[in-house]
PDB file of N, CA and C in Angstrom:
ATOM      1  N   MET A   1      51.722 -50.658 -42.210  1.00  0.00           N
ATOM      2  CA  MET A   1      51.949 -51.595 -43.445  1.00  0.00           C
ATOM      3  C   MET A   1      53.331 -51.245 -43.993  1.00  0.00           C
ATOM      4  N   SER A   2      53.882 -51.842 -44.511  1.00  0.00           N
ATOM      5  CA  SER A   2      55.088 -51.563 -45.196  1.00  0.00           C
ATOM      6  C   SER A   2      55.036 -50.608 -46.588  1.00  0.00           C
ATOM      7  N   ASP A   3      56.124 -49.666 -46.881  1.00  0.00           N
ATOM      8  CA  ASP A   3      55.775 -48.784 -47.899  1.00  0.00           C
ATOM      9  C   ASP A   3      55.738 -49.793 -49.128  1.00  0.00           C
ATOM     10  N   ARG A   4      56.582 -50.935 -49.164  1.00  0.00           N
ATOM     11  CA  ARG A   4      56.643 -51.944 -50.340  1.00  0.00           C
ATOM     12  C   ARG A   4      54.938 -52.336 -50.594  1.00  0.00           C
ATOM     13  N   PHE A   5      54.436 -52.783 -49.652  1.00  0.00           N
ATOM     14  CA  PHE A   5      53.047 -53.248 -49.637  1.00  0.00           C
ATOM     15  C   PHE A   5      51.959 -52.295 -50.357  1.00  0.00           C
ATOM     16  N   ALA A   6      52.236 -50.980 -49.512  1.00  0.00           N
ATOM     17  CA  ALA A   6      51.494 -49.892 -50.115  1.00  0.00           C
ATOM     18  C   ALA A   6      51.709 -49.439 -51.576  1.00  0.00           C
ATOM     19  N   ALA A   7      53.056 -49.642 -51.877  1.00  0.00           N
ATOM     20  CA  ALA A   7      53.460 -49.254 -53.369  1.00  0.00           C
ATOM     21  C   ALA A   7      52.832 -50.331 -54.400  1.00  0.00           C
ATOM     22  N   ASN A   8      52.892 -51.551 -53.796  1.00  0.00           N
ATOM     23  CA  ASN A   8      52.448 -52.594 -54.684  1.00  0.00           C
ATOM     24  C   ASN A   8      51.046 -52.763 -54.541  1.00  0.00           C
ATOM     25  N   ASN A   9      50.308 -52.255 -53.802  1.00  0.00           N
ATOM     26  CA  ASN A   9      48.862 -52.608 -53.563  1.00  0.00           C
ATOM     27  C   ASN A   9      48.015 -51.400 -53.445  1.00  0.00           C
ATOM     28  N   PRO A  10      48.092 -50.273 -53.990  1.00  0.00           N
ATOM     29  CA  PRO A  10      47.490 -48.916 -53.718  1.00  0.00           C
ATOM     30  C   PRO A  10      45.992 -49.017 -53.570  1.00  0.00           C
ATOM     31  N   GLN A  11      45.391 -49.999 -54.551  1.00  0.00           N
ATOM     32  CA  GLN A  11      44.068 -49.914 -54.364  1.00  0.00           C
ATOM     33  C   GLN A  11      43.400 -50.968 -52.963  1.00  0.00           C
ATOM     34  N   THR A  12      44.222 -51.843 -52.685  1.00  0.00           N
ATOM     35  CA  THR A  12      43.928 -52.505 -51.335  1.00  0.00           C
ATOM     36  C   THR A  12      43.986 -51.609 -50.217  1.00  0.00           C
ATOM     37  N   LEU A  13      45.031 -50.732 -50.354  1.00  0.00           N
ATOM     38  CA  LEU A  13      45.069 -49.462 -49.408  1.00  0.00           C
ATOM     39  C   LEU A  13      44.150 -48.910 -49.258  1.00  0.00           C
ATOM     40  N   VAL A  14      43.621 -48.398 -50.176  1.00  0.00           N
ATOM     41  CA  VAL A  14      42.375 -47.365 -50.504  1.00  0.00           C
ATOM     42  C   VAL A  14      41.146 -48.020 -49.929  1.00  0.00           C
ATOM     43  N   LYS A  15      40.962 -49.328 -50.459  1.00  0.00           N
ATOM     44  CA  LYS A  15      39.843 -49.915 -49.683  1.00  0.00           C
ATOM     45  C   LYS A  15      39.872 -50.070 -48.196  1.00  0.00           C
ATOM     46  N   PHE A  16      41.053 -50.513 -47.791  1.00  0.00           N
ATOM     47  CA  PHE A  16      41.122 -50.745 -46.300  1.00  0.00           C
ATOM     48  C   PHE A  16      40.685 -49.402 -45.529  1.00  0.00           C
ATOM     49  N   LEU A  17      41.508 -48.223 -46.151  1.00  0.00           N
ATOM     50  CA  LEU A  17      40.829 -47.025 -45.626  1.00  0.00           C
ATOM     51  C   LEU A  17      39.515 -46.493 -45.597  1.00  0.00           C
ATOM     52  N   GLU A  18      38.989 -46.959 -46.807  1.00  0.00           N
ATOM     53  CA  GLU A  18      37.661 -46.636 -46.849  1.00  0.00           C
ATOM     54  C   GLU A  18      36.781 -47.339 -45.849  1.00  0.00           C
ATOM     55  N   GLY A  19      37.297 -48.655 -45.644  1.00  0.00           N
ATOM     56  CA  GLY A  19      36.446 -49.669 -44.828  1.00  0.00           C
ATOM     57  C   GLY A  19      36.717 -48.992 -43.382  1.00  0.00           C
ATOM     58  N   TRP A  20      37.859 -48.662 -43.106  1.00  0.00           N
ATOM     59  CA  TRP A  20      38.106 -48.002 -41.915  1.00  0.00           C
ATOM     60  C   TRP A  20      37.347 -46.972 -41.255  1.00  0.00           C
ATOM     61  N   LEU A  21      37.272 -46.006 -42.313  1.00  0.00           N
ATOM     62  CA  LEU A  21      36.505 -44.847 -42.137  1.00  0.00           C
ATOM     63  C   LEU A  21      34.810 -44.894 -42.126  1.00  0.00           C
ATOM     64  N   GLU A  22      34.586 -46.134 -42.810  1.00  0.00           N
ATOM     65  CA  GLU A  22      33.176 -46.487 -42.957  1.00  0.00           C
ATOM     66  C   GLU A  22      32.764 -47.087 -41.419  1.00  0.00           C
ATOM     67  N   GLY A  23      33.705 -47.951 -40.929  1.00  0.00           N
ATOM     68  CA  GLY A  23      33.633 -48.210 -39.444  1.00  0.00           C
ATOM     69  C   GLY A  23      33.683 -47.298 -38.415  1.00  0.00           C
ATOM     70  N   VAL A  24      34.374 -46.297 -38.539  1.00  0.00           N
ATOM     71  CA  VAL A  24      34.258 -45.124 -37.629  1.00  0.00           C
ATOM     72  C   VAL A  24      32.923 -44.393 -37.659  1.00  0.00           C
ATOM     73  N   ALA A  25      32.615 -44.178 -38.838  1.00  0.00           N
ATOM     74  CA  ALA A  25      31.100 -43.628 -39.159  1.00  0.00           C
ATOM     75  C   ALA A  25      30.199 -44.418 -38.456  1.00  0.00           C
ATOM     76  N   PHE A  26      30.171 -45.641 -38.641  1.00  0.00           N
ATOM     77  CA  PHE A  26      29.152 -46.535 -37.998  1.00  0.00           C
ATOM     78  C   PHE A  26      29.154 -46.591 -36.728  1.00  0.00           C
ATOM     79  N   ILE A  27      30.349 -46.720 -35.995  1.00  0.00           N
ATOM     80  CA  ILE A  27      30.390 -46.593 -34.502  1.00  0.00           C
ATOM     81  C   ILE A  27      29.832 -45.357 -34.203  1.00  0.00           C
ATOM     82  N   LYS A  28      30.141 -44.398 -34.414  1.00  0.00           N
ATOM     83  CA  LYS A  28      29.621 -42.844 -34.106  1.00  0.00           C
ATOM     84  C   LYS A  28      28.147 -42.793 -34.495  1.00  0.00           C
ATOM     85  N   GLU A  29      27.681 -43.539 -35.551  1.00  0.00           N
ATOM     86  CA  GLU A  29      26.312 -43.291 -35.922  1.00  0.00           C
ATOM     87  C   GLU A  29      25.250 -44.457 -35.220  1.00  0.00           C
ATOM     88  N   GLN A  30      25.875 -45.470 -34.882  1.00  0.00           N
ATOM     89  CA  GLN A  30      24.995 -46.727 -34.385  1.00  0.00           C
ATOM     90  C   GLN A  30      25.953 -47.193 -33.321  1.00  0.00           C
ATOM     91  N   PRO A  31      26.300 -46.606 -32.009  1.00  0.00           N
ATOM     92  CA  PRO A  31      27.163 -47.173 -31.346  1.00  0.00           C
ATOM     93  C   PRO A  31      26.509 -48.521 -30.676  1.00  0.00           C
ATOM     94  N   SER A  32      25.350 -48.595 -30.342  1.00  0.00           N
ATOM     95  CA  SER A  32      24.910 -49.757 -29.670  1.00  0.00           C
ATOM     96  C   SER A  32      24.967 -51.089 -30.542  1.00  0.00           C
ATOM     97  N   ARG A  33      24.549 -50.856 -31.730  1.00  0.00           N
ATOM     98  CA  ARG A  33      24.570 -51.787 -32.784  1.00  0.00           C
ATOM     99  C   ARG A  33      26.016 -52.390 -32.964  1.00  0.00           C
ATOM    100  N   ALA A  34      26.978 -51.298 -33.177  1.00  0.00           N
ATOM    101  CA  ALA A  34      28.696 -51.587 -33.274  1.00  0.00           C
ATOM    102  C   ALA A  34      29.144 -52.391 -32.259  1.00  0.00           C
ATOM    103  N   TYR A  35      28.546 -52.077 -30.962  1.00  0.00           N
ATOM    104  CA  TYR A  35      29.157 -52.749 -29.595  1.00  0.00           C
ATOM    105  C   TYR A  35      28.756 -54.224 -29.914  1.00  0.00           C
ATOM    106  N   ASN A  36      27.563 -54.407 -30.215  1.00  0.00           N
ATOM    107  CA  ASN A  36      27.033 -55.799 -30.538  1.00  0.00           C
ATOM    108  C   ASN A  36      27.654 -56.539 -31.496  1.00  0.00           C
ATOM    109  N   LEU A  37      28.038 -56.075 -32.709  1.00  0.00           N
ATOM    110  CA  LEU A  37      28.794 -56.556 -33.662  1.00  0.00           C
ATOM    111  C   LEU A  37      30.054 -56.982 -33.384  1.00  0.00           C
ATOM    112  N   ILE A  38      30.848 -55.831 -32.448  1.00  0.00           N
ATOM    113  CA  ILE A  38      32.279 -56.143 -32.027  1.00  0.00           C
ATOM    114  C   ILE A  38      32.099 -57.195 -31.355  1.00  0.00           C
ATOM    115  N   GLY A  39      31.213 -57.236 -30.362  1.00  0.00           N
ATOM    116  CA  GLY A  39      31.070 -58.460 -29.347  1.00  0.00           C
ATOM    117  C   GLY A  39      30.794 -59.819 -29.787  1.00  0.00           C
ATOM    118  N   ALA A  40      30.111 -59.920 -30.962  1.00  0.00           N
ATOM    119  CA  ALA A  40      29.772 -61.124 -31.825  1.00  0.00           C
ATOM    120  C   ALA A  40      31.034 -61.749 -32.550  1.00  0.00           C
ATOM    121  N   ILE A  41      31.997 -61.093 -32.895  1.00  0.00           N
ATOM    122  CA  ILE A  41      33.140 -61.438 -33.634  1.00  0.00           C
ATOM    123  C   ILE A  41      33.672 -62.615 -32.831  1.00  0.00           C
ATOM    124  N   LYS A  42      33.714 -63.809 -33.538  1.00  0.00           N
ATOM    125  CA  LYS A  42      34.158 -65.001 -32.816  1.00  0.00           C
ATOM    126  C   LYS A  42      35.482 -64.958 -32.252  1.00  0.00           C
ATOM    127  N   ASP A  43      36.525 -64.463 -32.744  1.00  0.00           N
ATOM    128  CA  ASP A  43      37.722 -64.322 -32.322  1.00  0.00           C
ATOM    129  C   ASP A  43      38.039 -63.289 -31.039  1.00  0.00           C
ATOM    130  N   PHE A  44      36.947 -62.429 -31.142  1.00  0.00           N
ATOM    131  CA  PHE A  44      36.937 -61.495 -29.991  1.00  0.00           C
ATOM    132  C   PHE A  44      36.373 -62.151 -28.930  1.00  0.00           C
ATOM    133  N   ASN A  45      35.010 -62.683 -28.965  1.00  0.00           N
ATOM    134  CA  ASN A  45      34.559 -63.429 -27.938  1.00  0.00           C
ATOM    135  C   ASN A  45      34.290 -62.249 -26.550  1.00  0.00           C
ATOM    136  N   ILE A  46      33.994 -61.096 -26.926  1.00  0.00           N
ATOM    137  CA  ILE A  46      33.475 -60.343 -25.691  1.00  0.00           C
ATOM    138  C   ILE A  46      32.028 -59.773 -25.884  1.00  0.00           C
ATOM    139  N   PRO A  47      31.754 -59.544 -24.491  1.00  0.00           N
ATOM    140  CA  PRO A  47      30.263 -59.305 -24.409  1.00  0.00           C
ATOM    141  C   PRO A  47      30.369 -57.531 -24.963  1.00  0.00           C
ATOM    142  N   ALA A  48      28.934 -57.187 -25.612  1.00  0.00           N
ATOM    143  CA  ALA A  48      28.900 -55.850 -26.000  1.00  0.00           C
ATOM    144  C   ALA A  48      29.122 -54.828 -25.070  1.00  0.00           C
ATOM    145  N   ASP A  49      28.746 -55.093 -23.580  1.00  0.00           N
ATOM    146  CA  ASP A  49      29.114 -54.010 -22.563  1.00  0.00           C
ATOM    147  C   ASP A  49      30.691 -53.814 -22.615  1.00  0.00           C
ATOM    148  N   LEU A  50      31.504 -54.773 -22.753  1.00  0.00           N
ATOM    149  CA  LEU A  50      32.941 -54.765 -22.557  1.00  0.00           C
ATOM    150  C   LEU A  50      33.515 -53.890 -23.832  1.00  0.00           C
ATOM    151  N   ALA A  51      32.765 -54.256 -24.943  1.00  0.00           N
ATOM    152  CA  ALA A  51      33.083 -53.677 -26.080  1.00  0.00           C
ATOM    153  C   ALA A  51      33.049 -52.111 -25.926  1.00  0.00           C
ATOM    154  N   LYS A  52      31.761 -51.762 -25.545  1.00  0.00           N
ATOM    155  CA  LYS A  52      31.432 -50.407 -25.229  1.00  0.00           C
ATOM    156  C   LYS A  52      32.481 -49.670 -24.149  1.00  0.00           C
ATOM    157  N   THR A  53      32.822 -50.391 -23.064  1.00  0.00           N
ATOM    158  CA  THR A  53      33.657 -49.824 -22.202  1.00  0.00           C
ATOM    159  C   THR A  53      35.054 -49.632 -22.735  1.00  0.00           C
ATOM    160  N   MET A  54      35.554 -50.667 -23.692  1.00  0.00           N
ATOM    161  CA  MET A  54      36.872 -50.588 -24.336  1.00  0.00           C
ATOM    162  C   MET A  54      36.804 -49.370 -25.211  1.00  0.00           C
ATOM    163  N   LEU A  55      35.680 -48.865 -25.893  1.00  0.00           N
ATOM    164  CA  LEU A  55      35.970 -47.896 -26.835  1.00  0.00           C
ATOM    165  C   LEU A  55      35.441 -46.554 -26.168  1.00  0.00           C
ATOM    166  N   GLU A  56      34.999 -46.606 -24.920  1.00  0.00           N
ATOM    167  CA  GLU A  56      34.670 -45.215 -24.580  1.00  0.00           C
ATOM    168  C   GLU A  56      35.788 -44.309 -24.054  1.00  0.00           C
ATOM    169  N   GLY A  57      36.941 -44.770 -23.977  1.00  0.00           N
ATOM    170  CA  GLY A  57      38.227 -43.819 -23.980  1.00  0.00           C
ATOM    171  C   GLY A  57      38.912 -43.688 -25.324  1.00  0.00           C
ATOM    172  N   VAL A  58      38.466 -44.222 -26.494  1.00  0.00           N
ATOM    173  CA  VAL A  58      39.256 -44.231 -27.485  1.00  0.00           C
ATOM    174  C   VAL A  58      38.512 -43.123 -28.314  1.00  0.00           C
ATOM    175  N   LYS A  59      39.542 -42.208 -29.124  1.00  0.00           N
ATOM    176  CA  LYS A  59      38.965 -41.451 -30.160  1.00  0.00           C
ATOM    177  C   LYS A  59      39.327 -41.909 -31.353  1.00  0.00           C
ATOM    178  N   LEU A  60      38.193 -42.324 -31.927  1.00  0.00           N
ATOM    179  CA  LEU A  60      38.100 -42.969 -33.378  1.00  0.00           C
ATOM    180  C   LEU A  60      38.239 -41.785 -34.194  1.00  0.00           C
ATOM    181  N   ALA A  61      39.261 -41.511 -35.088  1.00  0.00           N
ATOM    182  CA  ALA A  61      39.486 -40.414 -36.215  1.00  0.00           C
ATOM    183  C   ALA A  61      38.918 -40.754 -37.286  1.00  0.00           C
ATOM    184  N   ASP A  62      37.917 -39.809 -37.678  1.00  0.00           N
ATOM    185  CA  ASP A  62      37.354 -39.901 -38.867  1.00  0.00           C
ATOM    186  C   ASP A  62      38.202 -39.148 -39.864  1.00  0.00           C
ATOM    187  N   TYR A  63      37.640 -38.911 -41.301  1.00  0.00           N
ATOM    188  CA  TYR A  63      38.406 -38.300 -42.250  1.00  0.00           C
ATOM    189  C   TYR A  63      39.044 -36.978 -42.112  1.00  0.00           C
ATOM    190  N   ALA A  64      37.887 -36.206 -41.334  1.00  0.00           N
ATOM    191  CA  ALA A  64      38.219 -34.738 -41.200  1.00  0.00           C
ATOM    192  C   ALA A  64      39.320 -34.757 -40.157  1.00  0.00           C
ATOM    193  N   ASP A  65      39.174 -35.571 -38.806  1.00  0.00           N
ATOM    194  CA  ASP A  65      40.096 -35.627 -38.088  1.00  0.00           C
ATOM    195  C   ASP A  65      41.545 -36.056 -38.585  1.00  0.00           C
ATOM    196  N   ASN A  66      41.747 -36.986 -39.580  1.00  0.00           N
ATOM    197  CA  ASN A  66      43.023 -37.184 -40.052  1.00  0.00           C
ATOM    198  C   ASN A  66      43.558 -36.243 -40.940  1.00  0.00           C
ATOM    199  N   LYS A  67      42.595 -35.527 -41.637  1.00  0.00           N
ATOM    200  CA  LYS A  67      43.032 -34.358 -42.432  1.00  0.00           C
ATOM    201  C   LYS A  67      43.755 -33.343 -41.583  1.00  0.00           C
ATOM    202  N   THR A  68      43.141 -33.084 -40.712  1.00  0.00           N
ATOM    203  CA  THR A  68      43.468 -31.885 -39.560  1.00  0.00           C
ATOM    204  C   THR A  68      44.702 -32.461 -39.094  1.00  0.00           C
ATOM    205  N   PHE A  69      44.909 -33.544 -38.461  1.00  0.00           N
ATOM    206  CA  PHE A  69      46.215 -34.059 -37.948  1.00  0.00           C
ATOM    207  C   PHE A  69      47.406 -34.108 -38.877  1.00  0.00           C
ATOM    208  N   PHE A  70      47.169 -34.798 -39.997  1.00  0.00           N
ATOM    209  CA  PHE A  70      48.431 -34.747 -40.840  1.00  0.00           C
ATOM    210  C   PHE A  70      48.802 -33.362 -41.513  1.00  0.00           C
ATOM    211  N   GLY A  71      47.726 -32.442 -41.627  1.00  0.00           N
ATOM    212  CA  GLY A  71      47.957 -31.347 -42.336  1.00  0.00           C
ATOM    213  C   GLY A  71      48.349 -31.097 -43.693  1.00  0.00           C
ATOM    214  N   SER A  72      49.148 -30.273 -44.027  1.00  0.00           N
ATOM    215  CA  SER A  72      49.645 -30.230 -45.510  1.00  0.00           C
ATOM    216  C   SER A  72      50.987 -29.832 -45.291  1.00  0.00           C
ATOM    217  N   ASP A  73      51.669 -29.613 -44.265  1.00  0.00           N
ATOM    218  CA  ASP A  73      53.111 -29.232 -44.227  1.00  0.00           C
ATOM    219  C   ASP A  73      53.678 -29.482 -42.837  1.00  0.00           C
ATOM    220  N   ALA A  74      54.765 -28.951 -42.628  1.00  0.00           N
ATOM    221  CA  ALA A  74      55.758 -29.281 -41.552  1.00  0.00           C
ATOM    222  C   ALA A  74      55.031 -28.624 -40.350  1.00  0.00           C
ATOM    223  N   SER A  75      54.090 -27.882 -40.377  1.00  0.00           N
ATOM    224  CA  SER A  75      53.304 -27.371 -39.068  1.00  0.00           C
ATOM    225  C   SER A  75      52.325 -28.194 -38.513  1.00  0.00           C
ATOM    226  N   SER A  76      52.144 -29.303 -39.219  1.00  0.00           N
ATOM    227  CA  SER A  76      50.906 -30.221 -38.758  1.00  0.00           C
ATOM    228  C   SER A  76      51.035 -30.747 -37.407  1.00  0.00           C
ATOM    229  N   ASP A  77      49.975 -31.325 -36.809  1.00  0.00           N
ATOM    230  CA  ASP A  77      49.992 -31.901 -35.538  1.00  0.00           C
ATOM    231  C   ASP A  77      50.999 -33.109 -35.609  1.00  0.00           C
ATOM    232  N   TYR A  78      50.924 -33.774 -36.809  1.00  0.00           N
ATOM    233  CA  TYR A  78      51.710 -35.005 -37.088  1.00  0.00           C
ATOM    234  C   TYR A  78      53.334 -34.561 -36.823  1.00  0.00           C
ATOM    235  N   SER A  79      53.744 -33.457 -37.476  1.00  0.00           N
ATOM    236  CA  SER A  79      55.076 -33.197 -37.309  1.00  0.00           C
ATOM    237  C   SER A  79      55.419 -32.539 -35.874  1.00  0.00           C
ATOM    238  N   ASN A  80      54.561 -31.817 -35.330  1.00  0.00           N
ATOM    239  CA  ASN A  80      54.868 -31.416 -34.044  1.00  0.00           C
ATOM    240  C   ASN A  80      54.975 -32.702 -32.839  1.00  0.00           C
ATOM    241  N   ILE A  81      54.240 -33.700 -32.962  1.00  0.00           N
ATOM    242  CA  ILE A  81      54.193 -34.928 -32.330  1.00  0.00           C
ATOM    243  C   ILE A  81      55.542 -35.623 -32.561  1.00  0.00           C
ATOM    244  N   PHE A  82      55.844 -35.845 -33.888  1.00  0.00           N
ATOM    245  CA  PHE A  82      57.039 -36.418 -34.373  1.00  0.00           C
ATOM    246  C   PHE A  82      58.078 -35.778 -33.781  1.00  0.00           C
ATOM    247  N   LYS A  83      58.345 -34.461 -33.962  1.00  0.00           N
ATOM    248  CA  LYS A  83      59.514 -33.674 -33.267  1.00  0.00           C
ATOM    249  C   LYS A  83      59.576 -33.956 -31.832  1.00  0.00           C
ATOM    250  N   MET A  84      58.629 -33.845 -31.079  1.00  0.00           N
ATOM    251  CA  MET A  84      58.490 -34.109 -29.559  1.00  0.00           C
ATOM    252  C   MET A  84      59.024 -35.210 -29.108  1.00  0.00           C
ATOM    253  N   ALA A  85      58.461 -36.450 -30.005  1.00  0.00           N
ATOM    254  CA  ALA A  85      58.904 -37.782 -29.635  1.00  0.00           C
ATOM    255  C   ALA A  85      60.422 -37.890 -29.695  1.00  0.00           C
ATOM    256  N   GLU A  86      60.830 -37.420 -31.083  1.00  0.00           N
ATOM    257  CA  GLU A  86      62.141 -37.494 -31.492  1.00  0.00           C
ATOM    258  C   GLU A  86      63.216 -36.842 -30.182  1.00  0.00           C
ATOM    259  N   GLU A  87      62.689 -35.543 -29.790  1.00  0.00           N
ATOM    260  CA  GLU A  87      63.664 -35.061 -28.668  1.00  0.00           C
ATOM    261  C   GLU A  87      63.589 -35.887 -27.372  1.00  0.00           C
ATOM    262  N   MET A  88      62.234 -36.439 -26.965  1.00  0.00           N
ATOM    263  CA  MET A  88      62.337 -37.440 -25.827  1.00  0.00           C
ATOM    264  C   MET A  88      63.284 -38.486 -26.055  1.00  0.00           C
ATOM    265  N   TYR A  89      63.308 -39.048 -27.246  1.00  0.00           N
ATOM    266  CA  TYR A  89      64.089 -40.283 -27.269  1.00  0.00           C
ATOM    267  C   TYR A  89      65.526 -39.749 -27.504  1.00  0.00           C
ATOM    268  N   ARG A  90      65.903 -38.784 -27.825  1.00  0.00           N
ATOM    269  CA  ARG A  90      67.437 -38.190 -27.788  1.00  0.00           C
ATOM    270  C   ARG A  90      67.767 -37.827 -26.432  1.00  0.00           C
ATOM    271  N   GLU A  91      66.982 -37.082 -25.852  1.00  0.00           N
ATOM    272  CA  GLU A  91      67.271 -37.031 -24.298  1.00  0.00           C
ATOM    273  C   GLU A  91      67.459 -38.330 -23.440  1.00  0.00           C
ATOM    274  N   LEU A  92      66.521 -39.289 -23.836  1.00  0.00           N
ATOM    275  CA  LEU A  92      66.730 -40.786 -23.277  1.00  0.00           C
ATOM    276  C   LEU A  92      68.001 -41.441 -24.005  1.00  0.00           C
ATOM    277  N   ARG A  93      68.650 -40.659 -24.751  1.00  0.00           N
ATOM    278  CA  ARG A  93      69.824 -41.131 -25.512  1.00  0.00           C
ATOM    279  C   ARG A  93      69.527 -42.716 -26.212  1.00  0.00           C
ATOM    280  N   LEU A  94      68.223 -42.914 -26.553  1.00  0.00           N
ATOM    281  CA  LEU A  94      67.865 -44.155 -27.639  1.00  0.00           C
ATOM    282  C   LEU A  94      68.114 -43.602 -29.130  1.00  0.00           C
ATOM    283  N   ILE A  95      68.039 -42.334 -29.700  1.00  0.00           N
ATOM    284  CA  ILE A  95      68.374 -42.007 -30.952  1.00  0.00           C
ATOM    285  C   ILE A  95      69.315 -41.044 -30.837  1.00  0.00           C
ATOM    286  N   LYS A  96      70.339 -40.840 -31.902  1.00  0.00           N
ATOM    287  CA  LYS A  96      71.333 -39.843 -32.089  1.00  0.00           C
ATOM    288  C   LYS A  96      70.979 -38.764 -33.161  1.00  0.00           C
ATOM    289  N   ARG A  97      70.374 -39.359 -34.179  1.00  0.00           N
ATOM    290  CA  ARG A  97      70.318 -38.450 -35.180  1.00  0.00           C
ATOM    291  C   ARG A  97      68.707 -37.794 -35.325  1.00  0.00           C
ATOM    292  N   ILE A  98      68.769 -36.710 -35.949  1.00  0.00           N
ATOM    293  CA  ILE A  98      67.672 -36.148 -36.134  1.00  0.00           C
ATOM    294  C   ILE A  98      66.900 -36.320 -37.629  1.00  0.00           C
ATOM    295  N   ALA A  99      65.732 -36.643 -37.642  1.00  0.00           N
ATOM    296  CA  ALA A  99      65.148 -36.982 -38.875  1.00  0.00           C
ATOM    297  C   ALA A  99      64.101 -36.052 -39.259  1.00  0.00           C
ATOM    298  N   ASP A 100      63.704 -35.901 -40.439  1.00  0.00           N
ATOM    299  CA  ASP A 100      62.746 -34.792 -40.980  1.00  0.00           C
ATOM    300  C   ASP A 100      61.316 -35.260 -40.839  1.00  0.00           C
ATOM    301  N   PRO A 101      60.512 -34.983 -40.244  1.00  0.00           N
ATOM    302  CA  PRO A 101      58.970 -35.582 -40.184  1.00  0.00           C
ATOM    303  C   PRO A 101      58.451 -35.673 -41.373  1.00  0.00           C
ATOM    304  N   GLU A 102      58.870 -34.860 -42.264  1.00  0.00           N
ATOM    305  CA  GLU A 102      58.092 -34.676 -43.463  1.00  0.00           C
ATOM    306  C   GLU A 102      58.523 -36.037 -44.503  1.00  0.00           C
ATOM    307  N   SER A 103      59.519 -36.489 -44.348  1.00  0.00           N
ATOM    308  CA  SER A 103      60.303 -37.797 -44.796  1.00  0.00           C
ATOM    309  C   SER A 103      59.552 -39.061 -44.537  1.00  0.00           C
ATOM    310  N   SER A 104      58.702 -38.764 -43.298  1.00  0.00           N
ATOM    311  CA  SER A 104      58.112 -40.096 -42.987  1.00  0.00           C
ATOM    312  C   SER A 104      56.610 -40.206 -43.049  1.00  0.00           C
ATOM    313  N   VAL A 105      56.185 -39.235 -43.774  1.00  0.00           N
ATOM    314  CA  VAL A 105      54.706 -39.046 -44.013  1.00  0.00           C
ATOM    315  C   VAL A 105      54.185 -39.086 -45.197  1.00  0.00           C
ATOM    316  N   ASP A 106      53.322 -39.768 -45.667  1.00  0.00           N
ATOM    317  CA  ASP A 106      52.667 -39.721 -47.220  1.00  0.00           C
ATOM    318  C   ASP A 106      51.135 -39.261 -46.880  1.00  0.00           C
ATOM    319  N   ARG A 107      50.950 -38.044 -47.594  1.00  0.00           N
ATOM    320  CA  ARG A 107      49.450 -37.516 -47.391  1.00  0.00           C
ATOM    321  C   ARG A 107      48.870 -37.684 -48.716  1.00  0.00           C
ATOM    322  N   ARG A 108      49.225 -38.715 -49.523  1.00  0.00           N
ATOM    323  CA  ARG A 108      48.409 -38.975 -50.594  1.00  0.00           C
ATOM    324  C   ARG A 108      46.987 -39.136 -50.362  1.00  0.00           C
ATOM    325  N   TYR A 109      46.909 -40.203 -49.421  1.00  0.00           N
ATOM    326  CA  TYR A 109      45.585 -40.944 -49.311  1.00  0.00           C
ATOM    327  C   TYR A 109      44.624 -40.017 -48.371  1.00  0.00           C
ATOM    328  N   VAL A 110      45.143 -39.127 -47.581  1.00  0.00           N
ATOM    329  CA  VAL A 110      44.438 -38.122 -46.830  1.00  0.00           C
ATOM    330  C   VAL A 110      43.762 -37.263 -47.826  1.00  0.00           C
ATOM    331  N   ALA A 111      45.001 -36.595 -48.747  1.00  0.00           N
ATOM    332  CA  ALA A 111      44.378 -35.426 -49.555  1.00  0.00           C
ATOM    333  C   ALA A 111      43.601 -36.087 -50.678  1.00  0.00           C
ATOM    334  N   GLY A 112      43.582 -37.476 -51.155  1.00  0.00           N
ATOM    335  CA  GLY A 112      42.826 -38.013 -52.084  1.00  0.00           C
ATOM    336  C   GLY A 112      41.321 -38.528 -51.383  1.00  0.00           C
TER     337      GLY A 112
END
């Protein structure tokens, strides 16, 4: 989502994040039921076994995972991955300048 939308709709963003984390918890706690629900979504139109197969290789990050990933400073996994990606793109000559990873992350929602 854009910075503008987030700034203008902070409660919507909070509700979205709460819903996402609730969904992650539900999938972890009741996977069979979750696969059936995902498969029942009209627009998806996929069987529960396919939903299960699709999610088997996916790491659904819960609140603790997100808090760890984003950390609290420039030594976070987020910053390290940002720097590695930046270096790869520089080597491929797709970007020229270096950005500060800290300028691209907003930890308010993870901290809150």
